[in-house]
């Protein structure tokens, strides 16, 4: 769990439109703001702004091609994001296992206390 979480990266990934853009770029290998906007419910200008956010955190790289830029997913940065997500998931799994263990210990203690109380009640009834 040594992978540090990059808040800017996860803020960029947190937007559903940007996640969809990453999916489209991965499926097609590359895309422009124009080609991406044809598949999204936002304007080309909005796509350009989303691409700028993804570019700033390194999830996409651009190359000029005439009047447009071609964007590709930076697979190394995407792998870093996946590693961070896995690390966070492992950390939460460990926390949840600890909570479960504590809850089970509390329940065992309550069961033992209840069983002890029932035996005491049986002993005095005789």
N, C-alpha and C. Protein backbone atom coordinates (compact mmCIF):
# COMPACT_ATOMS: atom_id res chain seq x y z
N UNK A 1 0.81 -1.18 0.00
CA UNK A 1 0.00 0.00 0.00
C UNK A 1 0.86 1.25 0.00
N UNK A 2 1.95 1.21 -0.72
CA UNK A 2 2.87 2.34 -0.75
C UNK A 2 2.53 3.34 -1.84
N UNK A 3 1.58 3.04 -2.69
CA UNK A 3 1.22 3.94 -3.78
C UNK A 3 0.47 5.14 -3.22
N UNK A 4 1.04 6.33 -3.40
CA UNK A 4 0.40 7.54 -2.92
C UNK A 4 -0.77 7.88 -3.84
N UNK A 5 -1.83 8.39 -3.26
CA UNK A 5 -3.01 8.75 -4.03
C UNK A 5 -2.84 10.18 -4.54
N UNK A 6 -3.04 10.37 -5.82
CA UNK A 6 -2.93 11.66 -6.48
C UNK A 6 -4.34 12.25 -6.59
N UNK A 7 -4.65 13.21 -5.73
CA UNK A 7 -6.00 13.78 -5.70
C UNK A 7 -6.39 14.44 -7.02
N UNK A 8 -5.44 15.12 -7.68
CA UNK A 8 -5.76 15.75 -8.96
C UNK A 8 -6.13 14.71 -10.01
N UNK A 9 -5.41 13.61 -10.01
CA UNK A 9 -5.70 12.53 -10.95
C UNK A 9 -7.10 11.98 -10.71
N UNK A 10 -7.43 11.73 -9.44
CA UNK A 10 -8.75 11.15 -9.14
C UNK A 10 -9.87 12.16 -9.30
N UNK A 11 -9.57 13.42 -9.14
CA UNK A 11 -10.56 14.44 -9.42
C UNK A 11 -10.88 14.45 -10.91
N UNK A 12 -9.85 14.31 -11.73
CA UNK A 12 -10.06 14.27 -13.19
C UNK A 12 -10.85 13.04 -13.59
N UNK A 13 -10.53 11.91 -13.00
CA UNK A 13 -11.22 10.66 -13.34
C UNK A 13 -12.63 10.63 -12.76
N UNK A 14 -12.87 11.44 -11.73
CA UNK A 14 -14.16 11.44 -11.07
C UNK A 14 -15.31 11.92 -11.93
N UNK A 15 -15.02 12.62 -13.00
CA UNK A 15 -16.08 13.15 -13.86
C UNK A 15 -16.52 12.08 -14.86
N UNK A 16 -17.82 11.77 -14.93
CA UNK A 16 -18.30 10.71 -15.84
C UNK A 16 -18.03 11.00 -17.32
N UNK A 17 -18.07 12.27 -17.71
CA UNK A 17 -17.78 12.59 -19.11
C UNK A 17 -16.33 12.28 -19.43
N UNK A 18 -15.43 12.62 -18.53
CA UNK A 18 -14.02 12.34 -18.77
C UNK A 18 -13.74 10.84 -18.78
N UNK A 19 -14.42 10.10 -17.90
CA UNK A 19 -14.25 8.62 -17.92
C UNK A 19 -14.72 8.07 -19.26
N UNK A 20 -15.83 8.57 -19.76
CA UNK A 20 -16.34 8.12 -21.06
C UNK A 20 -15.36 8.48 -22.17
N UNK A 21 -14.74 9.65 -22.08
CA UNK A 21 -13.75 10.05 -23.07
C UNK A 21 -12.55 9.10 -23.06
N UNK A 22 -12.12 8.73 -21.87
CA UNK A 22 -11.00 7.77 -21.77
C UNK A 22 -11.41 6.44 -22.41
N UNK A 23 -12.62 5.99 -22.13
CA UNK A 23 -13.12 4.75 -22.75
C UNK A 23 -13.09 4.84 -24.27
N UNK A 24 -13.57 5.96 -24.80
CA UNK A 24 -13.59 6.14 -26.25
C UNK A 24 -12.18 6.16 -26.83
N UNK A 25 -11.29 6.85 -26.17
CA UNK A 25 -9.90 6.91 -26.65
C UNK A 25 -9.24 5.54 -26.60
N UNK A 26 -9.51 4.79 -25.55
CA UNK A 26 -8.94 3.44 -25.46
C UNK A 26 -9.50 2.53 -26.55
N UNK A 27 -10.79 2.67 -26.82
CA UNK A 27 -11.43 1.82 -27.84
C UNK A 27 -10.92 2.15 -29.24
N UNK A 28 -10.74 3.44 -29.53
CA UNK A 28 -10.36 3.85 -30.88
C UNK A 28 -8.85 4.06 -31.04
N UNK A 29 -8.12 4.09 -29.95
CA UNK A 29 -6.69 4.31 -30.03
C UNK A 29 -6.32 5.78 -29.97
N UNK A 30 -7.16 6.63 -30.52
CA UNK A 30 -6.94 8.07 -30.50
C UNK A 30 -8.22 8.78 -30.88
N UNK A 31 -8.23 10.08 -30.71
CA UNK A 31 -9.40 10.86 -31.10
C UNK A 31 -9.11 12.34 -31.02
N UNK A 32 -9.98 13.11 -31.61
CA UNK A 32 -9.90 14.56 -31.54
C UNK A 32 -11.11 15.06 -30.75
N UNK A 33 -11.09 16.35 -30.42
CA UNK A 33 -12.25 16.92 -29.74
C UNK A 33 -13.50 16.76 -30.60
N UNK A 34 -13.34 16.88 -31.89
CA UNK A 34 -14.49 16.75 -32.80
C UNK A 34 -15.02 15.32 -32.82
N UNK A 35 -14.14 14.34 -32.96
CA UNK A 35 -14.61 12.95 -33.02
C UNK A 35 -15.20 12.52 -31.69
N UNK A 36 -14.61 12.98 -30.59
CA UNK A 36 -15.14 12.62 -29.28
C UNK A 36 -16.50 13.27 -29.03
N UNK A 37 -16.66 14.52 -29.43
CA UNK A 37 -17.92 15.21 -29.18
C UNK A 37 -19.09 14.56 -29.93
N UNK A 38 -18.81 13.84 -31.00
CA UNK A 38 -19.86 13.14 -31.73
C UNK A 38 -20.46 12.00 -30.91
N UNK A 39 -19.73 11.53 -29.90
CA UNK A 39 -20.17 10.40 -29.07
C UNK A 39 -20.61 10.82 -27.66
N UNK A 40 -20.57 12.12 -27.41
CA UNK A 40 -20.86 12.61 -26.06
C UNK A 40 -21.97 13.65 -26.08
N UNK A 41 -22.70 13.75 -24.97
CA UNK A 41 -23.79 14.72 -24.90
C UNK A 41 -23.33 16.12 -24.50
N UNK A 42 -22.12 16.50 -24.94
CA UNK A 42 -21.59 17.83 -24.63
C UNK A 42 -21.02 18.43 -25.92
N UNK A 43 -20.80 19.73 -25.88
CA UNK A 43 -20.29 20.43 -27.06
C UNK A 43 -18.81 20.11 -27.28
N UNK A 44 -18.34 20.43 -28.46
CA UNK A 44 -16.93 20.26 -28.77
C UNK A 44 -16.08 21.11 -27.82
N UNK A 45 -16.56 22.31 -27.51
CA UNK A 45 -15.81 23.18 -26.60
C UNK A 45 -15.70 22.55 -25.20
N UNK A 46 -16.78 21.91 -24.75
CA UNK A 46 -16.74 21.23 -23.45
C UNK A 46 -15.76 20.06 -23.51
N UNK A 47 -15.77 19.34 -24.61
CA UNK A 47 -14.83 18.22 -24.78
C UNK A 47 -13.40 18.74 -24.71
N UNK A 48 -13.13 19.87 -25.36
CA UNK A 48 -11.79 20.46 -25.33
C UNK A 48 -11.36 20.78 -23.90
N UNK A 49 -12.28 21.32 -23.11
CA UNK A 49 -11.97 21.64 -21.70
C UNK A 49 -11.71 20.36 -20.90
N UNK A 50 -12.51 19.33 -21.13
CA UNK A 50 -12.30 18.05 -20.44
C UNK A 50 -10.95 17.44 -20.84
N UNK A 51 -10.62 17.53 -22.12
CA UNK A 51 -9.33 17.00 -22.57
C UNK A 51 -8.17 17.76 -21.93
N UNK A 52 -8.34 19.06 -21.73
CA UNK A 52 -7.29 19.84 -21.08
C UNK A 52 -7.06 19.35 -19.65
N UNK A 53 -8.14 19.01 -18.95
CA UNK A 53 -8.01 18.48 -17.58
C UNK A 53 -7.28 17.14 -17.61
N UNK A 54 -7.69 16.27 -18.53
CA UNK A 54 -7.04 14.95 -18.63
C UNK A 54 -5.57 15.09 -19.02
N UNK A 55 -5.27 16.07 -19.88
CA UNK A 55 -3.89 16.31 -20.30
C UNK A 55 -3.07 16.85 -19.13
N UNK A 56 -3.66 17.74 -18.34
CA UNK A 56 -2.94 18.33 -17.20
C UNK A 56 -2.50 17.27 -16.20
N UNK A 57 -3.33 16.23 -15.98
CA UNK A 57 -2.95 15.19 -15.02
C UNK A 57 -2.19 14.05 -15.70
N UNK A 58 -1.98 14.17 -17.00
CA UNK A 58 -1.15 13.20 -17.71
C UNK A 58 -1.88 11.97 -18.21
N UNK A 59 -3.20 11.94 -18.11
CA UNK A 59 -3.93 10.75 -18.59
C UNK A 59 -4.03 10.68 -20.10
N UNK A 60 -3.93 11.82 -20.76
CA UNK A 60 -3.90 11.83 -22.22
C UNK A 60 -2.71 12.66 -22.68
N UNK A 61 -2.26 12.35 -23.87
CA UNK A 61 -1.19 13.12 -24.52
C UNK A 61 -1.73 13.55 -25.87
N UNK A 62 -1.32 14.73 -26.29
CA UNK A 62 -1.82 15.23 -27.56
C UNK A 62 -0.67 15.45 -28.54
N UNK A 63 -1.04 15.36 -29.82
CA UNK A 63 -0.10 15.66 -30.90
C UNK A 63 -0.86 16.49 -31.93
N UNK A 64 -0.28 17.61 -32.36
CA UNK A 64 -0.97 18.43 -33.34
C UNK A 64 -1.12 17.69 -34.67
N UNK A 65 -2.27 17.89 -35.28
CA UNK A 65 -2.54 17.30 -36.60
C UNK A 65 -3.41 18.30 -37.36
N UNK A 66 -2.77 19.18 -38.09
CA UNK A 66 -3.51 20.22 -38.80
C UNK A 66 -4.13 21.18 -37.81
N UNK A 67 -5.42 21.41 -37.96
CA UNK A 67 -6.12 22.35 -37.08
C UNK A 67 -6.58 21.71 -35.78
N UNK A 68 -6.43 20.44 -35.66
CA UNK A 68 -6.89 19.72 -34.45
C UNK A 68 -5.70 19.09 -33.75
N UNK A 69 -5.98 18.58 -32.58
CA UNK A 69 -5.00 17.78 -31.83
C UNK A 69 -5.55 16.37 -31.75
N UNK A 70 -4.66 15.41 -31.93
CA UNK A 70 -5.03 14.01 -31.72
C UNK A 70 -4.62 13.63 -30.31
N UNK A 71 -5.56 13.02 -29.59
CA UNK A 71 -5.33 12.64 -28.21
C UNK A 71 -5.25 11.12 -28.10
N UNK A 72 -4.35 10.67 -27.25
CA UNK A 72 -4.20 9.25 -26.92
C UNK A 72 -4.12 9.14 -25.40
N UNK A 73 -4.57 8.00 -24.89
CA UNK A 73 -4.44 7.74 -23.46
C UNK A 73 -2.98 7.41 -23.17
N UNK A 74 -2.44 8.01 -22.13
CA UNK A 74 -1.10 7.67 -21.66
C UNK A 74 -1.24 6.42 -20.80
N UNK A 75 -0.85 5.30 -21.35
CA UNK A 75 -1.08 4.02 -20.67
C UNK A 75 -0.30 3.89 -19.37
N UNK A 76 0.87 4.51 -19.29
CA UNK A 76 1.64 4.46 -18.05
C UNK A 76 0.91 5.20 -16.93
N UNK A 77 0.34 6.35 -17.27
CA UNK A 77 -0.40 7.12 -16.25
C UNK A 77 -1.70 6.40 -15.89
N UNK A 78 -2.33 5.78 -16.86
CA UNK A 78 -3.55 5.01 -16.57
C UNK A 78 -3.21 3.83 -15.66
N UNK A 79 -2.09 3.17 -15.92
CA UNK A 79 -1.65 2.06 -15.06
C UNK A 79 -1.38 2.57 -13.64
N UNK A 80 -0.83 3.78 -13.54
CA UNK A 80 -0.59 4.39 -12.22
C UNK A 80 -1.92 4.62 -11.50
N UNK A 81 -2.91 5.10 -12.23
CA UNK A 81 -4.23 5.33 -11.64
C UNK A 81 -4.84 4.02 -11.17
N UNK A 82 -4.71 2.97 -11.96
CA UNK A 82 -5.23 1.65 -11.58
C UNK A 82 -4.52 1.15 -10.33
N UNK A 83 -3.21 1.33 -10.28
CA UNK A 83 -2.44 0.91 -9.10
C UNK A 83 -2.91 1.66 -7.85
N UNK A 84 -3.17 2.95 -8.01
CA UNK A 84 -3.68 3.73 -6.87
C UNK A 84 -5.03 3.21 -6.42
N UNK A 85 -5.90 2.94 -7.38
CA UNK A 85 -7.23 2.43 -7.04
C UNK A 85 -7.12 1.09 -6.33
N UNK A 86 -6.26 0.21 -6.83
CA UNK A 86 -6.06 -1.08 -6.17
C UNK A 86 -5.53 -0.91 -4.76
N UNK A 87 -4.60 0.03 -4.58
CA UNK A 87 -4.04 0.29 -3.26
C UNK A 87 -5.10 0.78 -2.30
N UNK A 88 -5.93 1.71 -2.75
CA UNK A 88 -7.01 2.22 -1.91
C UNK A 88 -7.99 1.09 -1.59
N UNK A 89 -8.29 0.26 -2.59
CA UNK A 89 -9.19 -0.87 -2.36
C UNK A 89 -8.64 -1.84 -1.33
N UNK A 90 -7.36 -2.14 -1.42
CA UNK A 90 -6.73 -3.04 -0.44
C UNK A 90 -6.76 -2.44 0.96
N UNK A 91 -6.53 -1.13 1.03
CA UNK A 91 -6.55 -0.46 2.33
C UNK A 91 -7.96 -0.54 2.94
N UNK A 92 -8.99 -0.29 2.15
CA UNK A 92 -10.35 -0.36 2.66
C UNK A 92 -10.75 -1.80 2.98
N UNK A 93 -10.29 -2.76 2.18
CA UNK A 93 -10.56 -4.17 2.50
C UNK A 93 -9.99 -4.52 3.87
N UNK A 94 -8.75 -4.07 4.14
CA UNK A 94 -8.12 -4.33 5.44
C UNK A 94 -8.91 -3.66 6.57
N UNK A 95 -9.35 -2.43 6.35
CA UNK A 95 -10.14 -1.74 7.37
C UNK A 95 -11.45 -2.47 7.63
N UNK A 96 -12.10 -2.90 6.57
CA UNK A 96 -13.38 -3.60 6.72
C UNK A 96 -13.20 -4.95 7.42
N UNK A 97 -12.08 -5.64 7.12
CA UNK A 97 -11.81 -6.90 7.83
C UNK A 97 -11.64 -6.63 9.33
N UNK A 98 -10.97 -5.53 9.67
CA UNK A 98 -10.77 -5.17 11.08
C UNK A 98 -12.10 -4.84 11.74
N UNK A 99 -12.95 -4.08 11.05
CA UNK A 99 -14.27 -3.75 11.60
C UNK A 99 -15.08 -5.03 11.81
N UNK A 100 -15.03 -5.93 10.84
CA UNK A 100 -15.76 -7.20 10.96
C UNK A 100 -15.25 -7.99 12.15
N UNK A 101 -13.92 -8.04 12.30
CA UNK A 101 -13.33 -8.77 13.42
C UNK A 101 -13.77 -8.17 14.76
N UNK A 102 -13.77 -6.86 14.86
CA UNK A 102 -14.22 -6.20 16.09
C UNK A 102 -15.70 -6.47 16.35
N UNK A 103 -16.51 -6.39 15.31
CA UNK A 103 -17.95 -6.64 15.47
C UNK A 103 -18.20 -8.08 15.92
N UNK A 104 -17.46 -9.02 15.35
CA UNK A 104 -17.60 -10.42 15.75
C UNK A 104 -17.17 -10.63 17.19
N UNK A 105 -16.10 -9.97 17.62
CA UNK A 105 -15.63 -10.08 19.00
C UNK A 105 -16.67 -9.51 19.97
N UNK A 106 -17.26 -8.38 19.60
CA UNK A 106 -18.30 -7.78 20.44
C UNK A 106 -19.50 -8.72 20.52
N UNK A 107 -19.88 -9.31 19.40
CA UNK A 107 -21.02 -10.23 19.39
C UNK A 107 -20.74 -11.46 20.24
N UNK A 108 -19.51 -12.00 20.14
CA UNK A 108 -19.15 -13.16 20.96
C UNK A 108 -19.22 -12.81 22.44
N UNK A 109 -18.75 -11.62 22.79
CA UNK A 109 -18.79 -11.19 24.20
C UNK A 109 -20.24 -11.06 24.67
N UNK A 110 -21.09 -10.50 23.83
CA UNK A 110 -22.51 -10.37 24.20
C UNK A 110 -23.15 -11.74 24.33
N UNK A 111 -22.85 -12.64 23.40
CA UNK A 111 -23.40 -14.00 23.47
C UNK A 111 -22.95 -14.72 24.73
N UNK A 112 -21.65 -14.56 25.07
CA UNK A 112 -21.13 -15.20 26.27
C UNK A 112 -21.78 -14.61 27.52
N UNK A 113 -21.98 -13.31 27.53
CA UNK A 113 -22.62 -12.66 28.67
C UNK A 113 -24.07 -13.11 28.79
N UNK A 114 -24.74 -13.21 27.67
CA UNK A 114 -26.14 -13.66 27.68
C UNK A 114 -26.22 -15.11 28.15
N UNK A 115 -25.32 -15.94 27.65
CA UNK A 115 -25.31 -17.35 28.03
C UNK A 115 -25.00 -17.49 29.52
N UNK A 116 -24.09 -16.71 30.02
CA UNK A 116 -23.74 -16.72 31.43
C UNK A 116 -24.95 -16.29 32.28
N UNK A 117 -25.66 -15.26 31.81
CA UNK A 117 -26.85 -14.79 32.52
C UNK A 117 -27.95 -15.81 32.50
N UNK A 118 -28.13 -16.54 31.41
CA UNK A 118 -29.15 -17.57 31.32
C UNK A 118 -28.83 -18.73 32.27
N UNK A 119 -27.55 -19.08 32.38
CA UNK A 119 -27.16 -20.14 33.30
C UNK A 119 -27.39 -19.72 34.74
N UNK A 120 -27.14 -18.47 35.05
CA UNK A 120 -27.38 -17.98 36.40
C UNK A 120 -28.86 -18.03 36.71
N UNK A 121 -29.68 -17.65 35.73
CA UNK A 121 -31.12 -17.68 35.93
C UNK A 121 -31.63 -19.10 36.12
N UNK A 122 -31.05 -20.06 35.43
CA UNK A 122 -31.43 -21.47 35.55
C UNK A 122 -31.02 -21.99 36.91
N UNK A 123 -29.82 -21.61 37.37
CA UNK A 123 -29.33 -22.11 38.65
C UNK A 123 -30.20 -21.62 39.80
N UNK A 124 -30.68 -20.38 39.75
CA UNK A 124 -31.48 -19.85 40.85
C UNK A 124 -32.90 -20.36 40.80
N UNK A 125 -33.35 -20.82 39.64
CA UNK A 125 -34.73 -21.32 39.54
C UNK A 125 -34.85 -22.69 40.13
N UNK A 126 -33.77 -23.44 40.31
CA UNK A 126 -33.85 -24.80 40.82
C UNK A 126 -33.99 -24.87 42.27
